[in-house]
C-alpha atoms as a PDB file:
ATOM      1  CA  MET A   1      24.927 -47.525  15.900  1.00  0.00           C
ATOM      2  CA  THR A   2      26.713 -46.407  19.040  1.00  0.00           C
ATOM      3  CA  VAL A   3      28.836 -43.349  19.725  1.00  0.00           C
ATOM      4  CA  ASP A   4      31.991 -44.033  21.718  1.00  0.00           C
ATOM      5  CA  VAL A   5      34.122 -41.187  23.045  1.00  0.00           C
ATOM      6  CA  ILE A   6      37.531 -42.668  23.849  1.00  0.00           C
ATOM      7  CA  GLY A   7      40.277 -40.909  25.807  1.00  0.00           C
ATOM      8  CA  LEU A   8      39.268 -37.452  24.590  1.00  0.00           C
ATOM      9  CA  ASP A   9      41.645 -34.551  25.251  1.00  0.00           C
ATOM     10  CA  PHE A  10      40.838 -30.985  24.268  1.00  0.00           C
ATOM     11  CA  ALA A  11      42.086 -27.581  25.405  1.00  0.00           C
ATOM     12  CA  TYR A  12      41.605 -24.038  24.160  1.00  0.00           C
ATOM     13  CA  LYS A  13      44.962 -22.393  23.609  1.00  0.00           C
ATOM     14  CA  ALA A  14      45.859 -18.702  23.533  1.00  0.00           C
ATOM     15  CA  GLN A  15      49.480 -17.552  23.393  1.00  0.00           C
ATOM     16  CA  GLN A  16      51.251 -19.257  26.324  1.00  0.00           C
ATOM     17  CA  GLU A  17      48.069 -20.259  28.146  1.00  0.00           C
ATOM     18  CA  GLN A  18      45.616 -23.084  27.739  1.00  0.00           C
ATOM     19  CA  ARG A  19      42.250 -23.968  29.259  1.00  0.00           C
ATOM     20  CA  ILE A  20      41.696 -27.693  29.556  1.00  0.00           C
ATOM     21  CA  ILE A  21      38.166 -28.832  28.719  1.00  0.00           C
ATOM     22  CA  PHE A  22      38.564 -32.606  28.433  1.00  0.00           C
ATOM     23  CA  SER A  23      41.353 -34.831  29.716  1.00  0.00           C
ATOM     24  CA  GLY A  24      41.011 -38.516  28.891  1.00  0.00           C
ATOM     25  CA  ALA A  25      37.212 -38.243  28.757  1.00  0.00           C
ATOM     26  CA  THR A  26      35.391 -41.451  27.857  1.00  0.00           C
ATOM     27  CA  ALA A  27      31.690 -42.176  27.362  1.00  0.00           C
ATOM     28  CA  SER A  28      29.368 -44.354  25.290  1.00  0.00           C
ATOM     29  CA  PHE A  29      25.975 -43.398  23.846  1.00  0.00           C
ATOM     30  CA  SER A  30      23.477 -46.037  22.674  1.00  0.00           C
ATOM     31  CA  PRO A  31      20.558 -45.869  20.213  1.00  0.00           C
ATOM     32  CA  GLY A  32      17.044 -45.519  21.564  1.00  0.00           C
ATOM     33  CA  ARG A  33      18.197 -43.419  24.512  1.00  0.00           C
ATOM     34  CA  PHE A  34      17.835 -39.763  25.428  1.00  0.00           C
ATOM     35  CA  TYR A  35      20.855 -38.283  27.219  1.00  0.00           C
ATOM     36  CA  ALA A  36      20.993 -34.968  29.072  1.00  0.00           C
ATOM     37  CA  LEU A  37      24.477 -33.456  28.929  1.00  0.00           C
ATOM     38  CA  MET A  38      24.952 -31.270  31.998  1.00  0.00           C
ATOM     39  CA  GLY A  39      27.672 -29.140  33.545  1.00  0.00           C
ATOM     40  CA  PRO A  40      28.382 -25.530  34.503  1.00  0.00           C
ATOM     41  CA  SER A  41      28.718 -22.848  31.842  1.00  0.00           C
ATOM     42  CA  GLY A  42      32.098 -23.217  30.189  1.00  0.00           C
ATOM     43  CA  SER A  43      32.494 -26.856  31.204  1.00  0.00           C
ATOM     44  CA  GLY A  44      32.447 -28.131  27.626  1.00  0.00           C
ATOM     45  CA  LYS A  45      28.898 -28.979  26.526  1.00  0.00           C
ATOM     46  CA  THR A  46      29.027 -26.941  23.322  1.00  0.00           C
ATOM     47  CA  THR A  47      32.659 -27.939  22.815  1.00  0.00           C
ATOM     48  CA  LEU A  48      31.694 -31.618  22.826  1.00  0.00           C
ATOM     49  CA  PHE A  49      28.956 -30.970  20.276  1.00  0.00           C
ATOM     50  CA  ARG A  50      31.406 -29.097  18.062  1.00  0.00           C
ATOM     51  CA  ILE A  51      33.916 -31.951  18.295  1.00  0.00           C
ATOM     52  CA  LEU A  52      31.183 -34.451  17.406  1.00  0.00           C
ATOM     53  CA  ALA A  53      30.217 -32.271  14.426  1.00  0.00           C
ATOM     54  CA  ARG A  54      33.880 -32.058  13.335  1.00  0.00           C
ATOM     55  CA  GLU A  55      33.998 -28.299  13.797  1.00  0.00           C
ATOM     56  CA  LEU A  56      36.798 -28.799  16.332  1.00  0.00           C
ATOM     57  CA  GLU A  57      39.527 -31.428  16.321  1.00  0.00           C
ATOM     58  CA  PRO A  58      40.492 -33.125  19.606  1.00  0.00           C
ATOM     59  CA  ASP A  59      44.075 -32.929  20.817  1.00  0.00           C
ATOM     60  CA  ALA A  60      44.082 -36.663  21.547  1.00  0.00           C
ATOM     61  CA  GLY A  61      41.701 -39.595  21.703  1.00  0.00           C
ATOM     62  CA  LYS A  62      39.003 -40.394  19.200  1.00  0.00           C
ATOM     63  CA  ILE A  63      35.285 -40.723  18.602  1.00  0.00           C
ATOM     64  CA  VAL A  64      33.968 -43.915  17.039  1.00  0.00           C
ATOM     65  CA  ILE A  65      30.513 -44.050  15.441  1.00  0.00           C
ATOM     66  CA  ALA A  66      29.172 -47.496  14.533  1.00  0.00           C
ATOM     67  CA  GLY A  67      32.724 -48.810  14.561  1.00  0.00           C
ATOM     68  CA  LYS A  68      34.003 -46.059  12.281  1.00  0.00           C
ATOM     69  CA  ASP A  69      36.434 -43.334  13.323  1.00  0.00           C
ATOM     70  CA  LEU A  70      34.662 -39.968  13.168  1.00  0.00           C
ATOM     71  CA  ALA A  71      37.737 -38.430  11.538  1.00  0.00           C
ATOM     72  CA  SER A  72      37.265 -40.725   8.526  1.00  0.00           C
ATOM     73  CA  ILE A  73      33.648 -39.690   7.846  1.00  0.00           C
ATOM     74  CA  PRO A  74      33.401 -36.945   5.173  1.00  0.00           C
ATOM     75  CA  PRO A  75      31.613 -33.830   6.509  1.00  0.00           C
ATOM     76  CA  ARG A  76      28.847 -33.990   3.879  1.00  0.00           C
ATOM     77  CA  GLU A  77      28.117 -37.626   4.732  1.00  0.00           C
ATOM     78  CA  LEU A  78      28.208 -36.766   8.434  1.00  0.00           C
ATOM     79  CA  ARG A  79      25.544 -34.058   8.009  1.00  0.00           C
ATOM     80  CA  ALA A  80      23.378 -35.998   5.575  1.00  0.00           C
ATOM     81  CA  SER A  81      23.186 -39.458   7.085  1.00  0.00           C
ATOM     82  CA  VAL A  82      24.906 -39.623  10.472  1.00  0.00           C
ATOM     83  CA  MET A  83      24.353 -36.597  12.689  1.00  0.00           C
ATOM     84  CA  CYS A  84      22.008 -33.618  12.896  1.00  0.00           C
ATOM     85  CA  ARG A  85      21.857 -30.624  15.249  1.00  0.00           C
ATOM     86  CA  ILE A  86      19.447 -28.137  16.755  1.00  0.00           C
ATOM     87  CA  PHE A  87      20.289 -25.018  18.735  1.00  0.00           C
ATOM     88  CA  GLN A  88      18.808 -22.657  21.305  1.00  0.00           C
ATOM     89  CA  ASP A  89      18.287 -20.181  18.460  1.00  0.00           C
ATOM     90  CA  TYR A  90      16.019 -21.929  15.989  1.00  0.00           C
ATOM     91  CA  LEU A  91      17.908 -20.594  12.920  1.00  0.00           C
ATOM     92  CA  LEU A  92      14.853 -20.888  10.691  1.00  0.00           C
ATOM     93  CA  ILE A  93      14.623 -18.923   7.454  1.00  0.00           C
ATOM     94  CA  PRO A  94      12.182 -16.056   8.165  1.00  0.00           C
ATOM     95  CA  PHE A  95       9.228 -15.415   5.875  1.00  0.00           C
ATOM     96  CA  LEU A  96       9.218 -19.059   4.741  1.00  0.00           C
ATOM     97  CA  SER A  97       6.749 -21.698   5.858  1.00  0.00           C
ATOM     98  CA  PRO A  98       7.769 -24.672   8.004  1.00  0.00           C
ATOM     99  CA  LEU A  99       7.432 -26.885   4.929  1.00  0.00           C
ATOM    100  CA  ASP A 100       9.702 -24.656   2.853  1.00  0.00           C
ATOM    101  CA  ASN A 101      12.276 -24.547   5.664  1.00  0.00           C
ATOM    102  CA  LEU A 102      12.393 -28.355   5.669  1.00  0.00           C
ATOM    103  CA  LEU A 103      12.590 -28.625   1.874  1.00  0.00           C
ATOM    104  CA  LEU A 104      15.396 -26.074   1.744  1.00  0.00           C
ATOM    105  CA  ALA A 105      17.311 -28.091   4.343  1.00  0.00           C
ATOM    106  CA  ALA A 106      16.876 -31.227   2.224  1.00  0.00           C
ATOM    107  CA  GLU A 107      18.165 -29.439  -0.859  1.00  0.00           C
ATOM    108  CA  ILE A 108      21.229 -28.093   0.964  1.00  0.00           C
ATOM    109  CA  THR A 109      22.023 -31.403   2.662  1.00  0.00           C
ATOM    110  CA  THR A 110      21.306 -33.856  -0.156  1.00  0.00           C
ATOM    111  CA  GLY A 111      21.269 -31.656  -3.252  1.00  0.00           C
ATOM    112  CA  ARG A 112      17.671 -32.483  -4.058  1.00  0.00           C
ATOM    113  CA  SER A 113      14.126 -31.469  -3.158  1.00  0.00           C
ATOM    114  CA  GLY A 114      11.414 -33.549  -4.818  1.00  0.00           C
ATOM    115  CA  LYS A 115       8.111 -35.281  -4.153  1.00  0.00           C
ATOM    116  CA  GLU A 116       9.611 -37.783  -1.723  1.00  0.00           C
ATOM    117  CA  ASP A 117      11.235 -34.969   0.233  1.00  0.00           C
ATOM    118  CA  LYS A 118       7.927 -33.110   0.448  1.00  0.00           C
ATOM    119  CA  LYS A 119       6.232 -36.285   1.661  1.00  0.00           C
ATOM    120  CA  ARG A 120       8.890 -36.788   4.335  1.00  0.00           C
ATOM    121  CA  ALA A 121       8.713 -33.117   5.368  1.00  0.00           C
ATOM    122  CA  LEU A 122       4.955 -33.327   5.882  1.00  0.00           C
ATOM    123  CA  GLU A 123       5.348 -36.587   7.819  1.00  0.00           C
ATOM    124  CA  LEU A 124       7.917 -34.957  10.107  1.00  0.00           C
ATOM    125  CA  LEU A 125       5.757 -31.881  10.672  1.00  0.00           C
ATOM    126  CA  ASP A 126       2.913 -34.215  11.592  1.00  0.00           C
ATOM    127  CA  ARG A 127       5.291 -36.114  13.905  1.00  0.00           C
ATOM    128  CA  VAL A 128       6.124 -32.919  15.833  1.00  0.00           C
ATOM    129  CA  GLY A 129       2.471 -31.831  15.936  1.00  0.00           C
ATOM    130  CA  LEU A 130       2.648 -28.994  13.410  1.00  0.00           C
ATOM    131  CA  ILE A 131       0.996 -30.357  10.279  1.00  0.00           C
ATOM    132  CA  GLU A 132      -1.743 -27.714  10.533  1.00  0.00           C
ATOM    133  CA  HIS A 133       0.935 -25.002  10.341  1.00  0.00           C
ATOM    134  CA  ALA A 134       2.878 -26.526   7.426  1.00  0.00           C
ATOM    135  CA  TYR A 135       2.154 -23.609   5.079  1.00  0.00           C
ATOM    136  CA  ARG A 136       2.081 -20.820   7.651  1.00  0.00           C
ATOM    137  CA  ASN A 137       4.840 -18.200   7.929  1.00  0.00           C
ATOM    138  CA  VAL A 138       7.300 -19.344  10.620  1.00  0.00           C
ATOM    139  CA  ASP A 139       7.418 -15.794  11.985  1.00  0.00           C
ATOM    140  CA  LEU A 140       3.818 -16.286  13.131  1.00  0.00           C
ATOM    141  CA  LEU A 141       4.635 -19.364  15.212  1.00  0.00           C
ATOM    142  CA  SER A 142       5.427 -19.380  18.929  1.00  0.00           C
ATOM    143  CA  GLY A 143       8.927 -20.097  20.213  1.00  0.00           C
ATOM    144  CA  GLY A 144       8.012 -23.664  21.111  1.00  0.00           C
ATOM    145  CA  GLU A 145       6.476 -24.237  17.684  1.00  0.00           C
ATOM    146  CA  GLN A 146       9.547 -22.818  15.956  1.00  0.00           C
ATOM    147  CA  GLN A 147      11.795 -25.161  17.937  1.00  0.00           C
ATOM    148  CA  ARG A 148       9.636 -28.098  16.851  1.00  0.00           C
ATOM    149  CA  VAL A 149      10.066 -26.967  13.233  1.00  0.00           C
ATOM    150  CA  ALA A 150      13.826 -26.897  13.847  1.00  0.00           C
ATOM    151  CA  ILE A 151      13.704 -30.468  15.190  1.00  0.00           C
ATOM    152  CA  ALA A 152      11.743 -31.647  12.146  1.00  0.00           C
ATOM    153  CA  ARG A 153      14.179 -29.851   9.848  1.00  0.00           C
ATOM    154  CA  ALA A 154      17.151 -31.537  11.530  1.00  0.00           C
ATOM    155  CA  LEU A 155      15.602 -34.940  10.835  1.00  0.00           C
ATOM    156  CA  MET A 156      15.080 -34.354   7.101  1.00  0.00           C
ATOM    157  CA  GLY A 157      18.135 -36.456   6.310  1.00  0.00           C
ATOM    158  CA  SER A 158      18.678 -40.012   7.504  1.00  0.00           C
ATOM    159  CA  ALA A 159      20.754 -39.046  10.544  1.00  0.00           C
ATOM    160  CA  ARG A 160      20.532 -41.369  13.549  1.00  0.00           C
ATOM    161  CA  ILE A 161      22.190 -39.026  16.050  1.00  0.00           C
ATOM    162  CA  LEU A 162      20.491 -35.809  17.189  1.00  0.00           C
ATOM    163  CA  LEU A 163      22.544 -33.213  19.053  1.00  0.00           C
ATOM    164  CA  ALA A 164      20.536 -30.495  20.800  1.00  0.00           C
ATOM    165  CA  ASP A 165      22.526 -27.592  22.260  1.00  0.00           C
ATOM    166  CA  GLU A 166      20.394 -25.882  24.951  1.00  0.00           C
ATOM    167  CA  PRO A 167      17.208 -26.525  22.913  1.00  0.00           C
ATOM    168  CA  THR A 168      14.883 -25.031  25.542  1.00  0.00           C
ATOM    169  CA  GLY A 169      17.053 -22.195  26.835  1.00  0.00           C
ATOM    170  CA  ALA A 170      14.712 -19.565  25.375  1.00  0.00           C
ATOM    171  CA  LEU A 171      11.419 -21.341  26.131  1.00  0.00           C
ATOM    172  CA  ASP A 172       8.906 -21.161  28.969  1.00  0.00           C
ATOM    173  CA  ARG A 173       8.168 -24.085  31.279  1.00  0.00           C
ATOM    174  CA  ASP A 174       5.289 -25.579  29.262  1.00  0.00           C
ATOM    175  CA  ASN A 175       7.216 -25.496  25.984  1.00  0.00           C
ATOM    176  CA  THR A 176      10.320 -26.869  27.710  1.00  0.00           C
ATOM    177  CA  GLU A 177       8.254 -29.827  28.893  1.00  0.00           C
ATOM    178  CA  HIS A 178       6.843 -30.353  25.405  1.00  0.00           C
ATOM    179  CA  ILE A 179      10.283 -30.351  23.759  1.00  0.00           C
ATOM    180  CA  ALA A 180      11.743 -32.702  26.397  1.00  0.00           C
ATOM    181  CA  LEU A 181       8.923 -35.195  25.854  1.00  0.00           C
ATOM    182  CA  LEU A 182       9.297 -34.917  22.073  1.00  0.00           C
ATOM    183  CA  LEU A 183      13.035 -35.612  22.217  1.00  0.00           C
ATOM    184  CA  ALA A 184      12.426 -38.604  24.499  1.00  0.00           C
ATOM    185  CA  ASP A 185       9.796 -39.954  22.097  1.00  0.00           C
ATOM    186  CA  LEU A 186      12.139 -39.552  19.119  1.00  0.00           C
ATOM    187  CA  ALA A 187      14.820 -41.536  20.930  1.00  0.00           C
ATOM    188  CA  HIS A 188      12.504 -44.300  22.081  1.00  0.00           C
ATOM    189  CA  GLU A 189      10.231 -44.633  19.039  1.00  0.00           C
ATOM    190  CA  GLU A 190      12.673 -43.843  16.214  1.00  0.00           C
ATOM    191  CA  GLY A 191      15.716 -45.466  17.796  1.00  0.00           C
ATOM    192  CA  LEU A 192      17.770 -42.273  17.680  1.00  0.00           C
ATOM    193  CA  ILE A 193      20.673 -41.320  19.903  1.00  0.00           C
ATOM    194  CA  VAL A 194      19.542 -37.985  21.350  1.00  0.00           C
ATOM    195  CA  ILE A 195      22.049 -35.899  23.326  1.00  0.00           C
ATOM    196  CA  ALA A 196      20.778 -32.586  24.697  1.00  0.00           C
ATOM    197  CA  GLY A 197      22.905 -30.030  26.505  1.00  0.00           C
ATOM    198  CA  THR A 198      21.013 -28.322  29.315  1.00  0.00           C
ATOM    199  CA  HIS A 199      21.230 -26.500  32.644  1.00  0.00           C
ATOM    200  CA  ASP A 200      17.607 -27.370  33.448  1.00  0.00           C
ATOM    201  CA  SER A 201      17.171 -30.225  35.928  1.00  0.00           C
ATOM    202  CA  GLN A 202      13.448 -30.530  35.151  1.00  0.00           C
ATOM    203  CA  PHE A 203      14.251 -30.935  31.448  1.00  0.00           C
ATOM    204  CA  ALA A 204      16.958 -33.473  32.325  1.00  0.00           C
ATOM    205  CA  ALA A 205      14.470 -35.467  34.412  1.00  0.00           C
ATOM    206  CA  HIS A 206      12.914 -36.708  31.149  1.00  0.00           C
ATOM    207  CA  ALA A 207      16.224 -38.161  29.945  1.00  0.00           C
ATOM    208  CA  ASP A 208      17.128 -41.833  30.249  1.00  0.00           C
ATOM    209  CA  ALA A 209      20.537 -40.869  31.598  1.00  0.00           C
ATOM    210  CA  ILE A 210      22.521 -37.794  32.554  1.00  0.00           C
ATOM    211  CA  VAL A 211      26.084 -37.354  31.335  1.00  0.00           C
ATOM    212  CA  ARG A 212      27.716 -34.794  33.587  1.00  0.00           C
ATOM    213  CA  ILE A 213      30.899 -32.916  32.706  1.00  0.00           C
ATOM    214  CA  SER A 214      33.030 -32.734  35.841  1.00  0.00           C
ATOM    215  CA  GLU A 215      36.782 -32.322  36.285  1.00  0.00           C
ATOM    216  CA  HIS A 216      37.291 -32.651  32.503  1.00  0.00           C
ATOM    217  CA  GLN A 217      35.536 -36.036  32.445  1.00  0.00           C
ATOM    218  CA  LEU A 218      32.218 -37.335  31.087  1.00  0.00           C
ATOM    219  CA  ILE A 219      30.435 -39.056  33.977  1.00  0.00           C
ATOM    220  CA  LEU A 220      27.370 -41.199  33.266  1.00  0.00           C
ATOM    221  CA  GLU A 221      24.549 -40.996  35.817  1.00  0.00           C
ATOM    222  CA  SER A 222      21.582 -43.333  35.307  1.00  0.00           C
END
């Protein structure tokens, strides 16, 4: 599964004015690789994620995922089996445990929450190093631990693309390092396409490649 951005145009429009974000932008993202998406504030990092998630429609161009036009993928299928997202704000349900947060995500995404889902949730919590906190209130976890819960929750479906919008923006240096290494491991060991928006060059140093937004283009830097 690859993600190909082809000739992407997008602009924000207000009355008689427009602000161009992308103009003929093209890029390709491959499985098993961790990409850092970089650029100044307002350059289009979040906009690209929102286009990929079908929250925004491009003005021209297209995005092709595994040979299939993104516009033809139903939103429910996209969320359940193609693409998942994490954010700077963890967006966990307070007063619930990490396990319950993951099971609730499974129920919302797939319409079910059974024994197999619980097994997968516990496996994911173990994968992100939080199995010992599976039944603890998420409000009692540190920021870095809560972000790891959010990563595990995002992976509850069968999605092969992980979008992370400023995932370490609210974390200290040690937790930033931990999350960067975890995202790299998920790409390399699980074969995911991981794209993380960031301003942090030390975080980006753990990526396999940097995709920089410059002059409305997506520029790949190895």
